Amino acid sequence: FFAMMALVMHQKRKGLVLDSNGLFLFYSFII
């Protein structure tokens, strides 16, 4: 989960956001 969070922040700096599949997995881990 921490690796996923770090990757999200890293990709955000590049102007990239999670697609629907990534959001599903990321939110599932948060819940």
All heavy atoms as atom14 arrays in JSON, in Angstrom:
{
  "sequence": "FFAMMALVMHQKRKGLVLDSNGLFLFYSFII",
  "atom14_mask": [
    [1, 1, 1, 1, 1, 1, 1, 1, 1, 1, 1, 0, 0, 0],
    [1, 1, 1, 1, 1, 1, 1, 1, 1, 1, 1, 0, 0, 0],
    [1, 1, 1, 1, 1, 0, 0, 0, 0, 0, 0, 0, 0, 0],
    [1, 1, 1, 1, 1, 1, 1, 1, 0, 0, 0, 0, 0, 0],
    [1, 1, 1, 1, 1, 1, 1, 1, 0, 0, 0, 0, 0, 0],
    [1, 1, 1, 1, 1, 0, 0, 0, 0, 0, 0, 0, 0, 0],
    [1, 1, 1, 1, 1, 1, 1, 1, 0, 0, 0, 0, 0, 0],
    [1, 1, 1, 1, 1, 1, 1, 0, 0, 0, 0, 0, 0, 0],
    [1, 1, 1, 1, 1, 1, 1, 1, 0, 0, 0, 0, 0, 0],
    [1, 1, 1, 1, 1, 1, 1, 1, 1, 1, 0, 0, 0, 0],
    [1, 1, 1, 1, 1, 1, 1, 1, 1, 0, 0, 0, 0, 0],
    [1, 1, 1, 1, 1, 1, 1, 1, 1, 0, 0, 0, 0, 0],
    [1, 1, 1, 1, 1, 1, 1, 1, 1, 1, 1, 0, 0, 0],
    [1, 1, 1, 1, 1, 1, 1, 1, 1, 0, 0, 0, 0, 0],
    [1, 1, 1, 1, 0, 0, 0, 0, 0, 0, 0, 0, 0, 0],
    [1, 1, 1, 1, 1, 1, 1, 1, 0, 0, 0, 0, 0, 0],
    [1, 1, 1, 1, 1, 1, 1, 0, 0, 0, 0, 0, 0, 0],
    [1, 1, 1, 1, 1, 1, 1, 1, 0, 0, 0, 0, 0, 0],
    [1, 1, 1, 1, 1, 1, 1, 1, 0, 0, 0, 0, 0, 0],
    [1, 1, 1, 1, 1, 1, 0, 0, 0, 0, 0, 0, 0, 0],
    [1, 1, 1, 1, 1, 1, 1, 1, 0, 0, 0, 0, 0, 0],
    [1, 1, 1, 1, 0, 0, 0, 0, 0, 0, 0, 0, 0, 0],
    [1, 1, 1, 1, 1, 1, 1, 1, 0, 0, 0, 0, 0, 0],
    [1, 1, 1, 1, 1, 1, 1, 1, 1, 1, 1, 0, 0, 0],
    [1, 1, 1, 1, 1, 1, 1, 1, 0, 0, 0, 0, 0, 0],
    [1, 1, 1, 1, 1, 1, 1, 1, 1, 1, 1, 0, 0, 0],
    [1, 1, 1, 1, 1, 1, 1, 1, 1, 1, 1, 1, 0, 0],
    [1, 1, 1, 1, 1, 1, 0, 0, 0, 0, 0, 0, 0, 0],
    [1, 1, 1, 1, 1, 1, 1, 1, 1, 1, 1, 0, 0, 0],
    [1, 1, 1, 1, 1, 1, 1, 1, 0, 0, 0, 0, 0, 0],
    [1, 1, 1, 1, 1, 1, 1, 1, 0, 0, 0, 0, 0, 0]
  ],
  "atom14_positions": [
    [[0.83, -1.21, 0.0], [0.0, 0.0, 0.0], [0.86, 1.26, 0.0], [0.58, 2.22, -0.74], [-0.93, -0.02, 1.22], [-1.86, 1.15, 1.3], [-2.64, 1.52, 0.21], [-1.97, 1.89, 2.47], [-3.51, 2.6, 0.28], [-2.82, 2.97, 2.55], [-3.6, 3.33, 1.46], [0.0, 0.0, 0.0], [0.0, 0.0, 0.0], [0.0, 0.0, 0.0]],
    [[1.92, 1.27, 0.81], [2.82, 2.43, 0.83], [3.5, 2.61, -0.53], [3.69, 3.75, -0.99], [3.87, 2.26, 1.92], [3.35, 2.48, 3.32], [4.01, 1.96, 4.41], [2.19, 3.22, 3.52], [3.53, 2.16, 5.7], [1.69, 3.42, 4.8], [2.37, 2.9, 5.89], [0.0, 0.0, 0.0], [0.0, 0.0, 0.0], [0.0, 0.0, 0.0]],
    [[3.89, 1.5, -1.15], [4.51, 1.58, -2.48], [3.52, 2.14, -3.49], [3.89, 2.94, -4.37], [4.99, 0.19, -2.91], [0.0, 0.0, 0.0], [0.0, 0.0, 0.0], [0.0, 0.0, 0.0], [0.0, 0.0, 0.0], [0.0, 0.0, 0.0], [0.0, 0.0, 0.0], [0.0, 0.0, 0.0], [0.0, 0.0, 0.0], [0.0, 0.0, 0.0]],
    [[2.25, 1.77, -3.38], [1.23, 2.31, -4.27], [1.04, 3.8, -4.05], [0.93, 4.58, -5.02], [-0.09, 1.55, -4.04], [-0.07, 0.1, -4.52], [-1.43, -0.91, -3.87], [-2.84, -0.11, -4.62], [0.0, 0.0, 0.0], [0.0, 0.0, 0.0], [0.0, 0.0, 0.0], [0.0, 0.0, 0.0], [0.0, 0.0, 0.0], [0.0, 0.0, 0.0]],
    [[1.03, 4.23, -2.78], [0.89, 5.65, -2.48], [2.06, 6.45, -3.04], [1.88, 7.53, -3.62], [0.79, 5.85, -0.96], [-0.51, 5.38, -0.34], [-0.54, 5.65, 1.45], [-0.39, 7.42, 1.54], [0.0, 0.0, 0.0], [0.0, 0.0, 0.0], [0.0, 0.0, 0.0], [0.0, 0.0, 0.0], [0.0, 0.0, 0.0], [0.0, 0.0, 0.0]],
    [[3.27, 5.92, -2.85], [4.46, 6.61, -3.35], [4.42, 6.72, -4.87], [4.79, 7.76, -5.45], [5.72, 5.86, -2.9], [0.0, 0.0, 0.0], [0.0, 0.0, 0.0], [0.0, 0.0, 0.0], [0.0, 0.0, 0.0], [0.0, 0.0, 0.0], [0.0, 0.0, 0.0], [0.0, 0.0, 0.0], [0.0, 0.0, 0.0], [0.0, 0.0, 0.0]],
    [[3.95, 5.66, -5.53], [3.87, 5.68, -6.99], [2.83, 6.68, -7.47], [3.06, 7.39, -8.46], [3.52, 4.27, -7.5], [3.5, 4.09, -9.01], [4.89, 4.35, -9.61], [3.04, 2.67, -9.37], [0.0, 0.0, 0.0], [0.0, 0.0, 0.0], [0.0, 0.0, 0.0], [0.0, 0.0, 0.0], [0.0, 0.0, 0.0], [0.0, 0.0, 0.0]],
    [[1.71, 6.78, -6.77], [0.67, 7.75, -7.14], [1.21, 9.17, -7.06], [1.0, 9.99, -7.97], [-0.56, 7.59, -6.22], [-1.53, 8.76, -6.4], [-1.28, 6.28, -6.52], [0.0, 0.0, 0.0], [0.0, 0.0, 0.0], [0.0, 0.0, 0.0], [0.0, 0.0, 0.0], [0.0, 0.0, 0.0], [0.0, 0.0, 0.0], [0.0, 0.0, 0.0]],
    [[1.93, 9.48, -5.97], [2.49, 10.83, -5.82], [3.57, 11.11, -6.86], [3.67, 12.22, -7.38], [3.04, 10.99, -4.4], [1.96, 11.01, -3.32], [2.59, 11.35, -1.66], [3.48, 9.83, -1.32], [0.0, 0.0, 0.0], [0.0, 0.0, 0.0], [0.0, 0.0, 0.0], [0.0, 0.0, 0.0], [0.0, 0.0, 0.0], [0.0, 0.0, 0.0]],
    [[4.37, 10.07, -7.17], [5.42, 10.24, -8.17], [4.83, 10.5, -9.56], [5.3, 11.39, -10.29], [6.3, 8.99, -8.19], [7.36, 9.01, -9.25], [8.46, 9.85, -9.2], [7.47, 8.3, -10.42], [9.21, 9.66, -10.26], [8.64, 8.73, -11.01], [0.0, 0.0, 0.0], [0.0, 0.0, 0.0], [0.0, 0.0, 0.0], [0.0, 0.0, 0.0]],
    [[3.8, 9.74, -9.91], [3.19, 9.9, -11.23], [2.4, 11.2, -11.33], [2.26, 11.76, -12.42], [2.27, 8.71, -11.52], [2.98, 7.36, -11.61], [3.81, 7.24, -12.88], [4.76, 8.01, -13.11], [3.48, 6.28, -13.71], [0.0, 0.0, 0.0], [0.0, 0.0, 0.0], [0.0, 0.0, 0.0], [0.0, 0.0, 0.0], [0.0, 0.0, 0.0]],
    [[1.91, 11.68, -10.19], [1.15, 12.94, -10.21], [2.04, 14.1, -10.62], [1.59, 15.03, -11.29], [0.55, 13.18, -8.83], [-0.45, 14.33, -8.79], [-1.11, 14.45, -7.42], [-2.14, 15.56, -7.42], [-2.8, 15.69, -6.09], [0.0, 0.0, 0.0], [0.0, 0.0, 0.0], [0.0, 0.0, 0.0], [0.0, 0.0, 0.0], [0.0, 0.0, 0.0]],
    [[3.32, 14.04, -10.23], [4.25, 15.09, -10.63], [4.47, 15.11, -12.14], [4.85, 16.13, -12.72], [5.59, 14.89, -9.92], [5.52, 15.02, -8.41], [6.91, 15.12, -7.8], [6.89, 15.02, -6.36], [7.17, 13.92, -5.68], [7.52, 12.81, -6.33], [7.13, 13.9, -4.36], [0.0, 0.0, 0.0], [0.0, 0.0, 0.0], [0.0, 0.0, 0.0]],
    [[4.24, 13.95, -12.78], [4.39, 13.85, -14.23], [3.1, 14.18, -14.97], [3.03, 14.08, -16.2], [4.82, 12.42, -14.61], [6.18, 12.01, -14.07], [6.51, 10.59, -14.53], [7.87, 10.14, -14.05], [8.18, 8.76, -14.53], [0.0, 0.0, 0.0], [0.0, 0.0, 0.0], [0.0, 0.0, 0.0], [0.0, 0.0, 0.0], [0.0, 0.0, 0.0]],
    [[2.07, 14.54, -14.21], [0.79, 14.86, -14.83], [-0.08, 13.65, -15.12], [-1.03, 13.75, -15.91], [0.0, 0.0, 0.0], [0.0, 0.0, 0.0], [0.0, 0.0, 0.0], [0.0, 0.0, 0.0], [0.0, 0.0, 0.0], [0.0, 0.0, 0.0], [0.0, 0.0, 0.0], [0.0, 0.0, 0.0], [0.0, 0.0, 0.0], [0.0, 0.0, 0.0]],
    [[0.24, 12.52, -14.5], [-0.53, 11.29, -14.71], [-1.44, 11.02, -13.51], [-1.06, 11.29, -12.36], [0.4, 10.09, -14.93], [1.34, 10.18, -16.14], [2.27, 8.98, -16.15], [0.56, 10.28, -17.44], [0.0, 0.0, 0.0], [0.0, 0.0, 0.0], [0.0, 0.0, 0.0], [0.0, 0.0, 0.0], [0.0, 0.0, 0.0], [0.0, 0.0, 0.0]],
    [[-2.61, 10.49, -13.78], [-3.57, 10.15, -12.73], [-3.98, 8.68, -12.9], [-3.8, 8.09, -13.97], [-4.82, 11.05, -12.77], [-4.46, 12.47, -12.42], [-5.5, 10.96, -14.13], [0.0, 0.0, 0.0], [0.0, 0.0, 0.0], [0.0, 0.0, 0.0], [0.0, 0.0, 0.0], [0.0, 0.0, 0.0], [0.0, 0.0, 0.0], [0.0, 0.0, 0.0]],
    [[-4.52, 8.11, -11.84], [-4.98, 6.73, -11.9], [-6.19, 6.6, -12.8], [-7.1, 7.45, -12.77], [-5.35, 6.22, -10.5], [-4.19, 5.86, -9.57], [-4.71, 5.62, -8.16], [-3.46, 4.62, -10.08], [0.0, 0.0, 0.0], [0.0, 0.0, 0.0], [0.0, 0.0, 0.0], [0.0, 0.0, 0.0], [0.0, 0.0, 0.0], [0.0, 0.0, 0.0]],
    [[-6.22, 5.55, -13.62], [-7.42, 5.27, -14.41], [-8.43, 4.54, -13.52], [-8.2, 4.35, -12.32], [-7.08, 4.48, -15.67], [-6.47, 3.11, -15.38], [-6.55, 2.65, -14.22], [-5.9, 2.51, -16.31], [0.0, 0.0, 0.0], [0.0, 0.0, 0.0], [0.0, 0.0, 0.0], [0.0, 0.0, 0.0], [0.0, 0.0, 0.0], [0.0, 0.0, 0.0]],
    [[-9.56, 4.12, -14.09], [-10.62, 3.51, -13.29], [-10.16, 2.21, -12.63], [-10.53, 1.92, -11.47], [-11.85, 3.24, -14.17], [-11.51, 2.4, -15.27], [0.0, 0.0, 0.0], [0.0, 0.0, 0.0], [0.0, 0.0, 0.0], [0.0, 0.0, 0.0], [0.0, 0.0, 0.0], [0.0, 0.0, 0.0], [0.0, 0.0, 0.0], [0.0, 0.0, 0.0]],
    [[-9.34, 1.41, -13.32], [-8.84, 0.16, -12.73], [-7.91, 0.43, -11.56], [-7.98, -0.24, -10.52], [-8.11, -0.67, -13.79], [-9.04, -1.17, -14.87], [-10.16, -1.56, -14.6], [-8.56, -1.14, -16.11], [0.0, 0.0, 0.0], [0.0, 0.0, 0.0], [0.0, 0.0, 0.0], [0.0, 0.0, 0.0], [0.0, 0.0, 0.0], [0.0, 0.0, 0.0]],
    [[-7.03, 1.42, -11.71], [-6.12, 1.77, -10.63], [-6.87, 2.33, -9.43], [-6.53, 2.02, -8.28], [0.0, 0.0, 0.0], [0.0, 0.0, 0.0], [0.0, 0.0, 0.0], [0.0, 0.0, 0.0], [0.0, 0.0, 0.0], [0.0, 0.0, 0.0], [0.0, 0.0, 0.0], [0.0, 0.0, 0.0], [0.0, 0.0, 0.0], [0.0, 0.0, 0.0]],
    [[-7.89, 3.18, -9.7], [-8.69, 3.72, -8.6], [-9.39, 2.62, -7.84], [-9.47, 2.66, -6.6], [-9.72, 4.71, -9.15], [-9.21, 6.09, -9.55], [-10.33, 6.89, -10.18], [-8.64, 6.83, -8.34], [0.0, 0.0, 0.0], [0.0, 0.0, 0.0], [0.0, 0.0, 0.0], [0.0, 0.0, 0.0], [0.0, 0.0, 0.0], [0.0, 0.0, 0.0]],
    [[-9.92, 1.63, -8.56], [-10.63, 0.53, -7.91], [-9.7, -0.21, -6.95], [-10.05, -0.48, -5.8], [-11.18, -0.44, -8.96], [-11.9, -1.61, -8.38], [-13.23, -1.51, -8.01], [-11.27, -2.83, -8.2], [-13.91, -2.59, -7.46], [-11.93, -3.91, -7.66], [-13.26, -3.8, -7.29], [0.0, 0.0, 0.0], [0.0, 0.0, 0.0], [0.0, 0.0, 0.0]],
    [[-8.49, -0.52, -7.4], [-7.54, -1.24, -6.56], [-7.07, -0.37, -5.4], [-6.99, -0.84, -4.25], [-6.35, -1.69, -7.4], [-5.32, -2.62, -6.73], [-5.98, -3.88, -6.23], [-4.2, -2.97, -7.7], [0.0, 0.0, 0.0], [0.0, 0.0, 0.0], [0.0, 0.0, 0.0], [0.0, 0.0, 0.0], [0.0, 0.0, 0.0], [0.0, 0.0, 0.0]],
    [[-6.78, 0.89, -5.67], [-6.26, 1.8, -4.64], [-7.31, 2.04, -3.55], [-7.01, 1.96, -2.35], [-5.83, 3.11, -5.28], [-5.06, 4.01, -4.37], [-3.84, 3.6, -3.83], [-5.54, 5.27, -4.05], [-3.12, 4.44, -3.0], [-4.82, 6.12, -3.22], [-3.6, 5.69, -2.69], [0.0, 0.0, 0.0], [0.0, 0.0, 0.0], [0.0, 0.0, 0.0]],
    [[-8.54, 2.32, -3.95], [-9.6, 2.57, -2.98], [-9.94, 1.29, -2.2], [-10.28, 1.35, -1.01], [-10.85, 3.11, -3.68], [-10.73, 4.54, -4.14], [-11.55, 5.05, -5.14], [-9.78, 5.39, -3.58], [-11.44, 6.37, -5.57], [-9.65, 6.7, -4.01], [-10.49, 7.18, -5.0], [-10.37, 8.49, -5.42], [0.0, 0.0, 0.0], [0.0, 0.0, 0.0]],
    [[-9.85, 0.15, -2.85], [-10.09, -1.12, -2.16], [-9.08, -1.31, -1.03], [-9.42, -1.76, 0.07], [-10.01, -2.3, -3.14], [-11.07, -2.27, -4.07], [0.0, 0.0, 0.0], [0.0, 0.0, 0.0], [0.0, 0.0, 0.0], [0.0, 0.0, 0.0], [0.0, 0.0, 0.0], [0.0, 0.0, 0.0], [0.0, 0.0, 0.0], [0.0, 0.0, 0.0]],
    [[-7.81, -0.95, -1.3], [-6.77, -1.06, -0.27], [-7.02, -0.08, 0.87], [-6.75, -0.4, 2.04], [-5.4, -0.82, -0.89], [-4.73, -2.08, -1.38], [-5.38, -2.95, -2.24], [-3.45, -2.41, -0.97], [-4.77, -4.11, -2.69], [-2.82, -3.57, -1.41], [-3.49, -4.42, -2.28], [0.0, 0.0, 0.0], [0.0, 0.0, 0.0], [0.0, 0.0, 0.0]],
    [[-7.52, 1.12, 0.55], [-7.81, 2.11, 1.6], [-8.94, 1.61, 2.5], [-8.84, 1.66, 3.74], [-8.18, 3.47, 0.97], [-6.97, 4.08, 0.27], [-8.72, 4.42, 2.04], [-7.27, 5.37, -0.46], [0.0, 0.0, 0.0], [0.0, 0.0, 0.0], [0.0, 0.0, 0.0], [0.0, 0.0, 0.0], [0.0, 0.0, 0.0], [0.0, 0.0, 0.0]],
    [[-10.02, 1.12, 1.9], [-11.14, 0.61, 2.69], [-10.71, -0.61, 3.51], [-11.14, -0.8, 4.65], [-12.33, 0.26, 1.77], [-12.83, 1.51, 1.05], [-13.47, -0.37, 2.57], [-13.89, 1.23, 0.0], [0.0, 0.0, 0.0], [0.0, 0.0, 0.0], [0.0, 0.0, 0.0], [0.0, 0.0, 0.0], [0.0, 0.0, 0.0], [0.0, 0.0, 0.0]]
  ]
}
